[in-house]
PDB file of N, CA and C in Angstrom:
ATOM      1  N   MET A   1      -8.968  36.209 -74.737  1.00  0.00           N
ATOM      2  CA  MET A   1      -8.645  35.075 -73.856  1.00  0.00           C
ATOM      3  C   MET A   1      -7.355  35.688 -73.099  1.00  0.00           C
ATOM      4  N   VAL A   2      -6.745  36.446 -73.425  1.00  0.00           N
ATOM      5  CA  VAL A   2      -5.351  36.974 -72.737  1.00  0.00           C
ATOM      6  C   VAL A   2      -5.417  37.051 -71.203  1.00  0.00           C
ATOM      7  N   ASP A   3      -6.705  37.966 -70.897  1.00  0.00           N
ATOM      8  CA  ASP A   3      -7.062  38.564 -69.660  1.00  0.00           C
ATOM      9  C   ASP A   3      -7.636  37.101 -68.936  1.00  0.00           C
ATOM     10  N   SER A   4      -8.597  36.494 -69.615  1.00  0.00           N
ATOM     11  CA  SER A   4      -8.885  35.164 -69.009  1.00  0.00           C
ATOM     12  C   SER A   4      -7.589  34.183 -68.467  1.00  0.00           C
ATOM     13  N   LEU A   5      -6.581  34.347 -69.240  1.00  0.00           N
ATOM     14  CA  LEU A   5      -5.390  33.159 -69.072  1.00  0.00           C
ATOM     15  C   LEU A   5      -4.835  33.973 -67.680  1.00  0.00           C
ATOM     16  N   GLN A   6      -4.759  35.216 -67.414  1.00  0.00           N
ATOM     17  CA  GLN A   6      -3.961  36.031 -66.565  1.00  0.00           C
ATOM     18  C   GLN A   6      -4.778  35.697 -65.324  1.00  0.00           C
ATOM     19  N   ILE A   7      -6.331  35.505 -65.412  1.00  0.00           N
ATOM     20  CA  ILE A   7      -6.953  35.460 -64.200  1.00  0.00           C
ATOM     21  C   ILE A   7      -7.110  33.814 -63.855  1.00  0.00           C
ATOM     22  N   LEU A   8      -6.856  33.059 -64.631  1.00  0.00           N
ATOM     23  CA  LEU A   8      -6.717  31.652 -64.511  1.00  0.00           C
ATOM     24  C   LEU A   8      -5.296  31.464 -64.044  1.00  0.00           C
ATOM     25  N   GLU A   9      -4.290  31.930 -64.191  1.00  0.00           N
ATOM     26  CA  GLU A   9      -2.672  31.594 -63.786  1.00  0.00           C
ATOM     27  C   GLU A   9      -2.932  32.177 -62.214  1.00  0.00           C
ATOM     28  N   ASN A  10      -3.453  33.119 -62.113  1.00  0.00           N
ATOM     29  CA  ASN A  10      -3.550  33.716 -60.571  1.00  0.00           C
ATOM     30  C   ASN A  10      -4.015  32.728 -59.463  1.00  0.00           C
ATOM     31  N   ALA A  11      -5.595  32.097 -60.102  1.00  0.00           N
ATOM     32  CA  ALA A  11      -6.220  31.338 -59.512  1.00  0.00           C
ATOM     33  C   ALA A  11      -5.308  30.067 -59.225  1.00  0.00           C
ATOM     34  N   ILE A  12      -4.962  29.576 -60.265  1.00  0.00           N
ATOM     35  CA  ILE A  12      -4.063  28.116 -60.152  1.00  0.00           C
ATOM     36  C   ILE A  12      -3.064  28.626 -58.848  1.00  0.00           C
ATOM     37  N   GLN A  13      -2.316  29.573 -58.805  1.00  0.00           N
ATOM     38  CA  GLN A  13      -1.244  29.735 -58.217  1.00  0.00           C
ATOM     39  C   GLN A  13      -1.647  30.169 -56.981  1.00  0.00           C
ATOM     40  N   PHE A  14      -2.614  30.455 -56.500  1.00  0.00           N
ATOM     41  CA  PHE A  14      -3.532  30.736 -55.115  1.00  0.00           C
ATOM     42  C   PHE A  14      -4.396  29.976 -54.618  1.00  0.00           C
ATOM     43  N   GLY A  15      -4.767  29.363 -55.364  1.00  0.00           N
ATOM     44  CA  GLY A  15      -5.764  27.939 -55.219  1.00  0.00           C
ATOM     45  C   GLY A  15      -7.189  28.602 -55.088  1.00  0.00           C
ATOM     46  N   ASN A  16      -7.576  29.632 -55.769  1.00  0.00           N
ATOM     47  CA  ASN A  16      -8.856  30.177 -55.900  1.00  0.00           C
ATOM     48  C   ASN A  16      -9.802  29.182 -56.985  1.00  0.00           C
ATOM     49  N   PRO A  17     -11.071  29.460 -56.702  1.00  0.00           N
ATOM     50  CA  PRO A  17     -11.737  28.771 -57.743  1.00  0.00           C
ATOM     51  C   PRO A  17     -12.000  29.690 -59.222  1.00  0.00           C
ATOM     52  N   VAL A  18     -12.340  29.066 -60.127  1.00  0.00           N
ATOM     53  CA  VAL A  18     -12.504  30.193 -61.064  1.00  0.00           C
ATOM     54  C   VAL A  18     -13.875  29.450 -61.826  1.00  0.00           C
ATOM     55  N   LEU A  19     -14.797  30.122 -62.110  1.00  0.00           N
ATOM     56  CA  LEU A  19     -16.055  29.952 -62.854  1.00  0.00           C
ATOM     57  C   LEU A  19     -15.841  30.440 -64.432  1.00  0.00           C
ATOM     58  N   LEU A  20     -16.133  29.572 -65.372  1.00  0.00           N
ATOM     59  CA  LEU A  20     -16.198  30.021 -67.118  1.00  0.00           C
ATOM     60  C   LEU A  20     -17.372  29.812 -67.135  1.00  0.00           C
ATOM     61  N   GLN A  21     -18.108  30.851 -67.617  1.00  0.00           N
ATOM     62  CA  GLN A  21     -19.803  30.750 -67.676  1.00  0.00           C
ATOM     63  C   GLN A  21     -19.882  30.734 -69.354  1.00  0.00           C
ATOM     64  N   ASN A  22     -21.065  30.121 -69.488  1.00  0.00           N
ATOM     65  CA  ASN A  22     -21.700  30.165 -71.156  1.00  0.00           C
ATOM     66  C   ASN A  22     -20.671  29.711 -72.130  1.00  0.00           C
ATOM     67  N   VAL A  23     -19.911  28.714 -71.661  1.00  0.00           N
ATOM     68  CA  VAL A  23     -19.145  28.067 -72.824  1.00  0.00           C
ATOM     69  C   VAL A  23     -20.418  27.221 -73.844  1.00  0.00           C
ATOM     70  N   GLN A  24     -19.529  27.334 -75.123  1.00  0.00           N
ATOM     71  CA  GLN A  24     -20.259  26.693 -76.224  1.00  0.00           C
ATOM     72  C   GLN A  24     -19.759  24.963 -76.126  1.00  0.00           C
ATOM     73  N   GLU A  25     -19.910  24.461 -77.198  1.00  0.00           N
ATOM     74  CA  GLU A  25     -19.704  22.872 -77.318  1.00  0.00           C
ATOM     75  C   GLU A  25     -18.248  22.571 -77.424  1.00  0.00           C
ATOM     76  N   GLU A  26     -17.246  24.051 -78.034  1.00  0.00           N
ATOM     77  CA  GLU A  26     -15.920  23.775 -78.237  1.00  0.00           C
ATOM     78  C   GLU A  26     -15.357  24.666 -77.030  1.00  0.00           C
ATOM     79  N   LEU A  27     -14.168  24.092 -76.340  1.00  0.00           N
ATOM     80  CA  LEU A  27     -13.600  24.637 -75.745  1.00  0.00           C
ATOM     81  C   LEU A  27     -12.299  25.141 -76.070  1.00  0.00           C
ATOM     82  N   ASP A  28     -11.525  26.519 -75.542  1.00  0.00           N
ATOM     83  CA  ASP A  28     -10.327  26.667 -75.991  1.00  0.00           C
ATOM     84  C   ASP A  28      -8.941  25.831 -75.851  1.00  0.00           C
ATOM     85  N   PRO A  29      -8.585  25.365 -76.723  1.00  0.00           N
ATOM     86  CA  PRO A  29      -7.491  24.645 -76.906  1.00  0.00           C
ATOM     87  C   PRO A  29      -6.210  25.118 -75.415  1.00  0.00           C
ATOM     88  N   SER A  30      -6.124  26.323 -75.070  1.00  0.00           N
ATOM     89  CA  SER A  30      -5.174  26.734 -74.160  1.00  0.00           C
ATOM     90  C   SER A  30      -5.504  26.387 -72.670  1.00  0.00           C
ATOM     91  N   LEU A  31      -6.883  25.616 -72.459  1.00  0.00           N
ATOM     92  CA  LEU A  31      -7.672  25.102 -71.425  1.00  0.00           C
ATOM     93  C   LEU A  31      -7.050  23.597 -71.230  1.00  0.00           C
ATOM     94  N   ASN A  32      -6.531  23.117 -72.178  1.00  0.00           N
ATOM     95  CA  ASN A  32      -6.083  21.850 -72.044  1.00  0.00           C
ATOM     96  C   ASN A  32      -5.368  21.478 -71.286  1.00  0.00           C
ATOM     97  N   PRO A  33      -4.077  22.045 -70.667  1.00  0.00           N
ATOM     98  CA  PRO A  33      -3.452  21.611 -69.691  1.00  0.00           C
ATOM     99  C   PRO A  33      -4.160  21.576 -68.035  1.00  0.00           C
ATOM    100  N   VAL A  34      -5.032  22.651 -68.284  1.00  0.00           N
ATOM    101  CA  VAL A  34      -6.177  22.762 -66.836  1.00  0.00           C
ATOM    102  C   VAL A  34      -6.797  21.393 -66.925  1.00  0.00           C
ATOM    103  N   LEU A  35      -7.486  21.159 -67.605  1.00  0.00           N
ATOM    104  CA  LEU A  35      -8.561  19.932 -67.844  1.00  0.00           C
ATOM    105  C   LEU A  35      -7.591  19.205 -67.548  1.00  0.00           C
ATOM    106  N   ASN A  36      -6.419  18.612 -68.318  1.00  0.00           N
ATOM    107  CA  ASN A  36      -5.572  17.317 -68.124  1.00  0.00           C
ATOM    108  C   ASN A  36      -4.950  17.258 -66.881  1.00  0.00           C
ATOM    109  N   LYS A  37      -4.973  18.328 -66.060  1.00  0.00           N
ATOM    110  CA  LYS A  37      -4.211  18.476 -65.002  1.00  0.00           C
ATOM    111  C   LYS A  37      -2.446  17.969 -65.075  1.00  0.00           C
ATOM    112  N   SER A  38      -2.041  18.826 -66.062  1.00  0.00           N
ATOM    113  CA  SER A  38      -0.568  18.366 -66.873  1.00  0.00           C
ATOM    114  C   SER A  38       0.419  18.988 -66.035  1.00  0.00           C
ATOM    115  N   LEU A  39       0.498  18.170 -64.794  1.00  0.00           N
ATOM    116  CA  LEU A  39       1.489  18.613 -63.706  1.00  0.00           C
ATOM    117  C   LEU A  39       2.711  18.092 -63.677  1.00  0.00           C
ATOM    118  N   THR A  40       3.529  18.930 -63.258  1.00  0.00           N
ATOM    119  CA  THR A  40       5.145  18.113 -63.454  1.00  0.00           C
ATOM    120  C   THR A  40       5.867  19.082 -62.076  1.00  0.00           C
ATOM    121  N   CYS A  41       6.596  17.860 -61.533  1.00  0.00           N
ATOM    122  CA  CYS A  41       6.987  17.931 -60.159  1.00  0.00           C
ATOM    123  C   CYS A  41       8.452  18.518 -60.243  1.00  0.00           C
ATOM    124  N   ILE A  42       8.668  19.624 -59.670  1.00  0.00           N
ATOM    125  CA  ILE A  42      10.315  20.185 -59.723  1.00  0.00           C
ATOM    126  C   ILE A  42      10.395  20.678 -58.479  1.00  0.00           C
ATOM    127  N   GLY A  43      11.234  20.085 -57.830  1.00  0.00           N
ATOM    128  CA  GLY A  43      11.912  20.472 -56.359  1.00  0.00           C
ATOM    129  C   GLY A  43      10.715  20.402 -55.162  1.00  0.00           C
ATOM    130  N   GLY A  44       9.990  19.460 -55.172  1.00  0.00           N
ATOM    131  CA  GLY A  44       9.045  19.398 -54.244  1.00  0.00           C
ATOM    132  C   GLY A  44       7.590  20.204 -54.620  1.00  0.00           C
ATOM    133  N   SER A  45       7.505  21.154 -55.555  1.00  0.00           N
ATOM    134  CA  SER A  45       6.484  21.966 -55.816  1.00  0.00           C
ATOM    135  C   SER A  45       5.802  21.553 -57.369  1.00  0.00           C
ATOM    136  N   PHE A  46       4.396  21.466 -57.344  1.00  0.00           N
ATOM    137  CA  PHE A  46       3.774  21.424 -58.790  1.00  0.00           C
ATOM    138  C   PHE A  46       3.717  22.222 -59.622  1.00  0.00           C
ATOM    139  N   LEU A  47       4.135  22.122 -60.856  1.00  0.00           N
ATOM    140  CA  LEU A  47       3.814  23.255 -62.001  1.00  0.00           C
ATOM    141  C   LEU A  47       2.820  22.850 -63.106  1.00  0.00           C
ATOM    142  N   LEU A  48       2.396  23.642 -63.617  1.00  0.00           N
ATOM    143  CA  LEU A  48       1.253  23.485 -64.601  1.00  0.00           C
ATOM    144  C   LEU A  48       1.858  24.382 -65.677  1.00  0.00           C
ATOM    145  N   LYS A  49       2.085  23.851 -67.002  1.00  0.00           N
ATOM    146  CA  LYS A  49       2.312  24.949 -68.196  1.00  0.00           C
ATOM    147  C   LYS A  49       0.956  25.447 -68.526  1.00  0.00           C
ATOM    148  N   LEU A  50       0.815  26.662 -68.639  1.00  0.00           N
ATOM    149  CA  LEU A  50      -0.183  27.412 -69.298  1.00  0.00           C
ATOM    150  C   LEU A  50       0.268  28.488 -69.971  1.00  0.00           C
ATOM    151  N   GLY A  51      -0.009  28.276 -71.467  1.00  0.00           N
ATOM    152  CA  GLY A  51       0.346  28.889 -72.590  1.00  0.00           C
ATOM    153  C   GLY A  51       1.981  28.823 -72.605  1.00  0.00           C
ATOM    154  N   ASP A  52       2.931  29.927 -72.463  1.00  0.00           N
ATOM    155  CA  ASP A  52       4.130  29.926 -72.670  1.00  0.00           C
ATOM    156  C   ASP A  52       4.711  29.829 -71.102  1.00  0.00           C
ATOM    157  N   LYS A  53       4.241  30.014 -70.019  1.00  0.00           N
ATOM    158  CA  LYS A  53       4.546  30.024 -68.566  1.00  0.00           C
ATOM    159  C   LYS A  53       4.318  28.524 -67.951  1.00  0.00           C
ATOM    160  N   GLU A  54       5.164  28.657 -66.719  1.00  0.00           N
ATOM    161  CA  GLU A  54       4.938  27.596 -66.078  1.00  0.00           C
ATOM    162  C   GLU A  54       4.390  28.312 -64.841  1.00  0.00           C
ATOM    163  N   VAL A  55       3.474  27.414 -64.274  1.00  0.00           N
ATOM    164  CA  VAL A  55       2.752  28.168 -63.099  1.00  0.00           C
ATOM    165  C   VAL A  55       2.669  27.472 -61.781  1.00  0.00           C
ATOM    166  N   GLU A  56       3.067  27.848 -60.615  1.00  0.00           N
ATOM    167  CA  GLU A  56       2.864  26.943 -59.375  1.00  0.00           C
ATOM    168  C   GLU A  56       1.675  26.342 -59.288  1.00  0.00           C
ATOM    169  N   TYR A  57       1.253  25.151 -59.048  1.00  0.00           N
ATOM    170  CA  TYR A  57      -0.197  24.939 -58.851  1.00  0.00           C
ATOM    171  C   TYR A  57      -0.556  24.648 -57.493  1.00  0.00           C
ATOM    172  N   ASN A  58      -1.538  25.211 -56.897  1.00  0.00           N
ATOM    173  CA  ASN A  58      -2.074  25.149 -55.658  1.00  0.00           C
ATOM    174  C   ASN A  58      -3.224  24.252 -55.497  1.00  0.00           C
ATOM    175  N   PRO A  59      -3.274  22.833 -54.710  1.00  0.00           N
ATOM    176  CA  PRO A  59      -4.075  22.050 -54.928  1.00  0.00           C
ATOM    177  C   PRO A  59      -5.456  22.219 -54.432  1.00  0.00           C
ATOM    178  N   ASP A  60      -5.835  23.485 -53.950  1.00  0.00           N
ATOM    179  CA  ASP A  60      -6.869  24.056 -53.622  1.00  0.00           C
ATOM    180  C   ASP A  60      -7.648  24.454 -54.855  1.00  0.00           C
ATOM    181  N   PHE A  61      -7.127  24.679 -56.053  1.00  0.00           N
ATOM    182  CA  PHE A  61      -7.596  25.544 -57.247  1.00  0.00           C
ATOM    183  C   PHE A  61      -8.730  24.632 -57.600  1.00  0.00           C
ATOM    184  N   ARG A  62     -10.050  24.988 -57.883  1.00  0.00           N
ATOM    185  CA  ARG A  62     -11.044  24.357 -58.533  1.00  0.00           C
ATOM    186  C   ARG A  62     -11.364  25.228 -59.926  1.00  0.00           C
ATOM    187  N   PHE A  63     -11.940  24.458 -60.856  1.00  0.00           N
ATOM    188  CA  PHE A  63     -12.263  24.986 -62.109  1.00  0.00           C
ATOM    189  C   PHE A  63     -13.674  24.473 -62.380  1.00  0.00           C
ATOM    190  N   TYR A  64     -14.575  25.615 -62.494  1.00  0.00           N
ATOM    191  CA  TYR A  64     -16.123  25.248 -62.815  1.00  0.00           C
ATOM    192  C   TYR A  64     -16.384  25.760 -64.205  1.00  0.00           C
ATOM    193  N   ILE A  65     -16.895  24.974 -65.095  1.00  0.00           N
ATOM    194  CA  ILE A  65     -17.507  25.452 -66.287  1.00  0.00           C
ATOM    195  C   ILE A  65     -18.910  25.362 -66.532  1.00  0.00           C
ATOM    196  N   THR A  66     -19.556  26.342 -67.024  1.00  0.00           N
ATOM    197  CA  THR A  66     -21.098  26.155 -67.168  1.00  0.00           C
ATOM    198  C   THR A  66     -21.572  26.594 -68.434  1.00  0.00           C
ATOM    199  N   THR A  67     -22.570  26.084 -69.051  1.00  0.00           N
ATOM    200  CA  THR A  67     -23.053  26.445 -70.335  1.00  0.00           C
ATOM    201  C   THR A  67     -24.777  26.735 -70.071  1.00  0.00           C
ATOM    202  N   LYS A  68     -25.320  27.591 -71.070  1.00  0.00           N
ATOM    203  CA  LYS A  68     -26.478  27.673 -71.185  1.00  0.00           C
ATOM    204  C   LYS A  68     -27.495  26.771 -72.383  1.00  0.00           C
ATOM    205  N   LEU A  69     -26.489  26.116 -72.626  1.00  0.00           N
ATOM    206  CA  LEU A  69     -26.906  24.983 -73.868  1.00  0.00           C
ATOM    207  C   LEU A  69     -27.955  23.811 -73.114  1.00  0.00           C
ATOM    208  N   SER A  70     -29.032  23.824 -73.838  1.00  0.00           N
ATOM    209  CA  SER A  70     -29.923  22.737 -73.084  1.00  0.00           C
ATOM    210  C   SER A  70     -29.762  21.479 -73.303  1.00  0.00           C
ATOM    211  N   ASN A  71     -28.783  20.924 -74.290  1.00  0.00           N
ATOM    212  CA  ASN A  71     -28.475  19.660 -74.751  1.00  0.00           C
ATOM    213  C   ASN A  71     -27.146  19.581 -75.170  1.00  0.00           C
ATOM    214  N   PRO A  72     -25.912  19.776 -74.231  1.00  0.00           N
ATOM    215  CA  PRO A  72     -24.430  20.088 -75.055  1.00  0.00           C
ATOM    216  C   PRO A  72     -24.247  18.596 -75.571  1.00  0.00           C
ATOM    217  N   HIS A  73     -23.428  18.747 -76.792  1.00  0.00           N
ATOM    218  CA  HIS A  73     -22.614  17.723 -77.007  1.00  0.00           C
ATOM    219  C   HIS A  73     -20.909  18.038 -77.140  1.00  0.00           C
ATOM    220  N   TYR A  74     -20.312  17.493 -75.961  1.00  0.00           N
ATOM    221  CA  TYR A  74     -19.011  17.705 -75.981  1.00  0.00           C
ATOM    222  C   TYR A  74     -18.180  16.611 -76.489  1.00  0.00           C
ATOM    223  N   THR A  75     -17.054  16.840 -76.950  1.00  0.00           N
ATOM    224  CA  THR A  75     -16.201  15.977 -77.742  1.00  0.00           C
ATOM    225  C   THR A  75     -15.767  14.871 -76.773  1.00  0.00           C
ATOM    226  N   PRO A  76     -15.528  13.461 -77.287  1.00  0.00           N
ATOM    227  CA  PRO A  76     -15.204  12.543 -76.097  1.00  0.00           C
ATOM    228  C   PRO A  76     -14.013  13.085 -75.122  1.00  0.00           C
ATOM    229  N   GLU A  77     -12.788  13.754 -75.805  1.00  0.00           N
ATOM    230  CA  GLU A  77     -11.815  14.318 -75.072  1.00  0.00           C
ATOM    231  C   GLU A  77     -12.088  15.177 -73.787  1.00  0.00           C
ATOM    232  N   VAL A  78     -13.058  16.202 -74.242  1.00  0.00           N
ATOM    233  CA  VAL A  78     -13.836  17.105 -73.099  1.00  0.00           C
ATOM    234  C   VAL A  78     -14.302  16.213 -72.042  1.00  0.00           C
ATOM    235  N   SER A  79     -15.383  15.250 -72.632  1.00  0.00           N
ATOM    236  CA  SER A  79     -15.958  14.616 -71.548  1.00  0.00           C
ATOM    237  C   SER A  79     -15.250  13.582 -70.717  1.00  0.00           C
ATOM    238  N   SER A  80     -14.206  13.454 -71.181  1.00  0.00           N
ATOM    239  CA  SER A  80     -13.339  12.407 -70.376  1.00  0.00           C
ATOM    240  C   SER A  80     -12.453  13.246 -69.160  1.00  0.00           C
ATOM    241  N   LYS A  81     -12.172  14.244 -69.553  1.00  0.00           N
ATOM    242  CA  LYS A  81     -11.477  15.308 -68.770  1.00  0.00           C
ATOM    243  C   LYS A  81     -12.472  15.805 -67.665  1.00  0.00           C
ATOM    244  N   THR A  82     -13.744  15.921 -67.862  1.00  0.00           N
ATOM    245  CA  THR A  82     -14.121  16.573 -67.019  1.00  0.00           C
ATOM    246  C   THR A  82     -15.551  15.630 -66.002  1.00  0.00           C
ATOM    247  N   THR A  83     -16.148  16.304 -65.198  1.00  0.00           N
ATOM    248  CA  THR A  83     -17.594  15.291 -64.741  1.00  0.00           C
ATOM    249  C   THR A  83     -18.479  16.538 -65.253  1.00  0.00           C
ATOM    250  N   ILE A  84     -19.584  16.047 -65.892  1.00  0.00           N
ATOM    251  CA  ILE A  84     -20.664  16.647 -66.590  1.00  0.00           C
ATOM    252  C   ILE A  84     -21.892  16.440 -65.413  1.00  0.00           C
ATOM    253  N   VAL A  85     -22.404  17.643 -65.241  1.00  0.00           N
ATOM    254  CA  VAL A  85     -23.573  17.682 -64.171  1.00  0.00           C
ATOM    255  C   VAL A  85     -24.720  18.328 -65.060  1.00  0.00           C
ATOM    256  N   ASN A  86     -25.952  17.605 -65.062  1.00  0.00           N
ATOM    257  CA  ASN A  86     -26.968  18.466 -65.764  1.00  0.00           C
ATOM    258  C   ASN A  86     -27.943  18.707 -64.668  1.00  0.00           C
ATOM    259  N   PHE A  87     -28.212  20.356 -64.524  1.00  0.00           N
ATOM    260  CA  PHE A  87     -28.954  20.802 -63.552  1.00  0.00           C
ATOM    261  C   PHE A  87     -30.301  21.340 -64.052  1.00  0.00           C
ATOM    262  N   ALA A  88     -30.599  20.923 -65.218  1.00  0.00           N
ATOM    263  CA  ALA A  88     -31.882  21.521 -65.825  1.00  0.00           C
ATOM    264  C   ALA A  88     -32.938  21.217 -65.489  1.00  0.00           C
ATOM    265  N   ILE A  89     -34.083  21.977 -64.881  1.00  0.00           N
ATOM    266  CA  ILE A  89     -35.253  21.821 -64.630  1.00  0.00           C
ATOM    267  C   ILE A  89     -36.223  22.129 -65.722  1.00  0.00           C
ATOM    268  N   MET A  90     -36.971  21.235 -66.174  1.00  0.00           N
ATOM    269  CA  MET A  90     -38.060  21.701 -67.215  1.00  0.00           C
ATOM    270  C   MET A  90     -39.316  21.652 -66.255  1.00  0.00           C
ATOM    271  N   GLU A  91     -39.978  22.732 -66.796  1.00  0.00           N
ATOM    272  CA  GLU A  91     -41.314  23.233 -66.385  1.00  0.00           C
ATOM    273  C   GLU A  91     -42.178  22.049 -66.367  1.00  0.00           C
ATOM    274  N   GLN A  92     -42.125  21.217 -67.339  1.00  0.00           N
ATOM    275  CA  GLN A  92     -43.380  20.298 -67.238  1.00  0.00           C
ATOM    276  C   GLN A  92     -43.169  19.570 -66.134  1.00  0.00           C
ATOM    277  N   HIS A  93     -41.772  19.311 -65.499  1.00  0.00           N
ATOM    278  CA  HIS A  93     -41.765  18.173 -64.233  1.00  0.00           C
ATOM    279  C   HIS A  93     -41.829  18.785 -63.254  1.00  0.00           C
ATOM    280  N   LEU A  94     -42.251  19.947 -63.161  1.00  0.00           N
ATOM    281  CA  LEU A  94     -42.422  20.702 -61.743  1.00  0.00           C
ATOM    282  C   LEU A  94     -43.563  20.175 -60.853  1.00  0.00           C
ATOM    283  N   PRO A  95     -44.655  20.250 -61.760  1.00  0.00           N
ATOM    284  CA  PRO A  95     -46.105  20.032 -60.646  1.00  0.00           C
ATOM    285  C   PRO A  95     -46.030  19.158 -60.043  1.00  0.00           C
ATOM    286  N   GLY A  96     -45.554  17.876 -60.343  1.00  0.00           N
ATOM    287  CA  GLY A  96     -45.409  16.662 -59.478  1.00  0.00           C
ATOM    288  C   GLY A  96     -44.098  16.673 -58.532  1.00  0.00           C
ATOM    289  N   ARG A  97     -43.342  17.534 -58.518  1.00  0.00           N
ATOM    290  CA  ARG A  97     -42.191  17.745 -57.383  1.00  0.00           C
ATOM    291  C   ARG A  97     -42.346  18.814 -56.630  1.00  0.00           C
ATOM    292  N   VAL A  98     -43.017  19.856 -56.463  1.00  0.00           N
ATOM    293  CA  VAL A  98     -43.134  20.953 -55.784  1.00  0.00           C
ATOM    294  C   VAL A  98     -44.775  21.133 -55.525  1.00  0.00           C
ATOM    295  N   TYR A  99     -44.593  21.339 -54.057  1.00  0.00           N
ATOM    296  CA  TYR A  99     -45.935  21.649 -53.515  1.00  0.00           C
ATOM    297  C   TYR A  99     -46.198  22.992 -53.471  1.00  0.00           C
ATOM    298  N   THR A 100     -47.684  23.343 -53.502  1.00  0.00           N
ATOM    299  CA  THR A 100     -47.980  24.940 -53.815  1.00  0.00           C
ATOM    300  C   THR A 100     -48.109  25.179 -52.143  1.00  0.00           C
ATOM    301  N   ALA A 101     -48.094  26.537 -52.012  1.00  0.00           N
ATOM    302  CA  ALA A 101     -48.355  26.992 -50.698  1.00  0.00           C
ATOM    303  C   ALA A 101     -49.689  26.530 -50.147  1.00  0.00           C
ATOM    304  N   SER A 102     -50.564  26.408 -51.157  1.00  0.00           N
ATOM    305  CA  SER A 102     -52.292  25.981 -50.655  1.00  0.00           C
ATOM    306  C   SER A 102     -52.186  24.601 -50.277  1.00  0.00           C
ATOM    307  N   THR A 103     -51.380  23.829 -50.883  1.00  0.00           N
ATOM    308  CA  THR A 103     -51.406  22.365 -50.433  1.00  0.00           C
ATOM    309  C   THR A 103     -50.322  21.874 -49.280  1.00  0.00           C
ATOM    310  N   ALA A 104     -49.556  22.772 -48.819  1.00  0.00           N
ATOM    311  CA  ALA A 104     -48.492  22.464 -47.797  1.00  0.00           C
ATOM    312  C   ALA A 104     -49.744  22.553 -46.453  1.00  0.00           C
ATOM    313  N   PRO A 105     -50.295  23.536 -46.240  1.00  0.00           N
ATOM    314  CA  PRO A 105     -51.114  23.358 -44.866  1.00  0.00           C
ATOM    315  C   PRO A 105     -51.704  22.405 -44.630  1.00  0.00           C
ATOM    316  N   GLN A 106     -52.695  21.965 -45.826  1.00  0.00           N
ATOM    317  CA  GLN A 106     -53.320  20.793 -45.702  1.00  0.00           C
ATOM    318  C   GLN A 106     -52.378  19.392 -45.317  1.00  0.00           C
ATOM    319  N   LEU A 107     -51.260  19.712 -46.193  1.00  0.00           N
ATOM    320  CA  LEU A 107     -50.525  18.368 -45.908  1.00  0.00           C
ATOM    321  C   LEU A 107     -50.032  17.896 -44.338  1.00  0.00           C
ATOM    322  N   THR A 108     -49.779  19.296 -43.789  1.00  0.00           N
ATOM    323  CA  THR A 108     -49.269  19.540 -42.723  1.00  0.00           C
ATOM    324  C   THR A 108     -50.567  19.070 -41.384  1.00  0.00           C
ATOM    325  N   HIS A 109     -51.653  19.553 -41.839  1.00  0.00           N
ATOM    326  CA  HIS A 109     -52.750  19.220 -40.979  1.00  0.00           C
ATOM    327  C   HIS A 109     -53.093  17.728 -40.865  1.00  0.00           C
ATOM    328  N   THR A 110     -53.145  17.078 -42.239  1.00  0.00           N
ATOM    329  CA  THR A 110     -53.252  15.754 -42.429  1.00  0.00           C
ATOM    330  C   THR A 110     -52.290  14.813 -41.716  1.00  0.00           C
ATOM    331  N   LEU A 111     -50.896  15.448 -41.573  1.00  0.00           N
ATOM    332  CA  LEU A 111     -49.964  14.651 -40.660  1.00  0.00           C
ATOM    333  C   LEU A 111     -50.001  14.955 -39.422  1.00  0.00           C
ATOM    334  N   SER A 112     -50.660  15.698 -38.646  1.00  0.00           N
ATOM    335  CA  SER A 112     -50.883  16.200 -37.424  1.00  0.00           C
ATOM    336  C   SER A 112     -51.653  15.265 -36.390  1.00  0.00           C
ATOM    337  N   PRO A 113     -51.333  14.844 -35.551  1.00  0.00           N
ATOM    338  CA  PRO A 113     -52.335  13.733 -34.938  1.00  0.00           C
ATOM    339  C   PRO A 113     -53.786  14.489 -34.558  1.00  0.00           C
TER     340      PRO A 113
END
């Protein structure tokens, strides 16, 4: 996690987005200051304590977390600090939502005057 913290520190300073992929149901406690947005204002700039360092916070910074778990159960603490969006698509729901290539021309022809 040491290299990850260095990448996260640089992203926070320069306002770059970070994507943390394939997380499980428990997140590393070192991410708590980032998830909490534990900012302190000193001399007109915002600082975030990350590990043992205080990092200047750029408001353009974004932190995205993804998982491959089909139905993750995060703790209430994590759920309250994040916005959870489920983008899962189940194959059984696709036939009613997607038109096949053979149906599309018929639909176009039917709608034409």
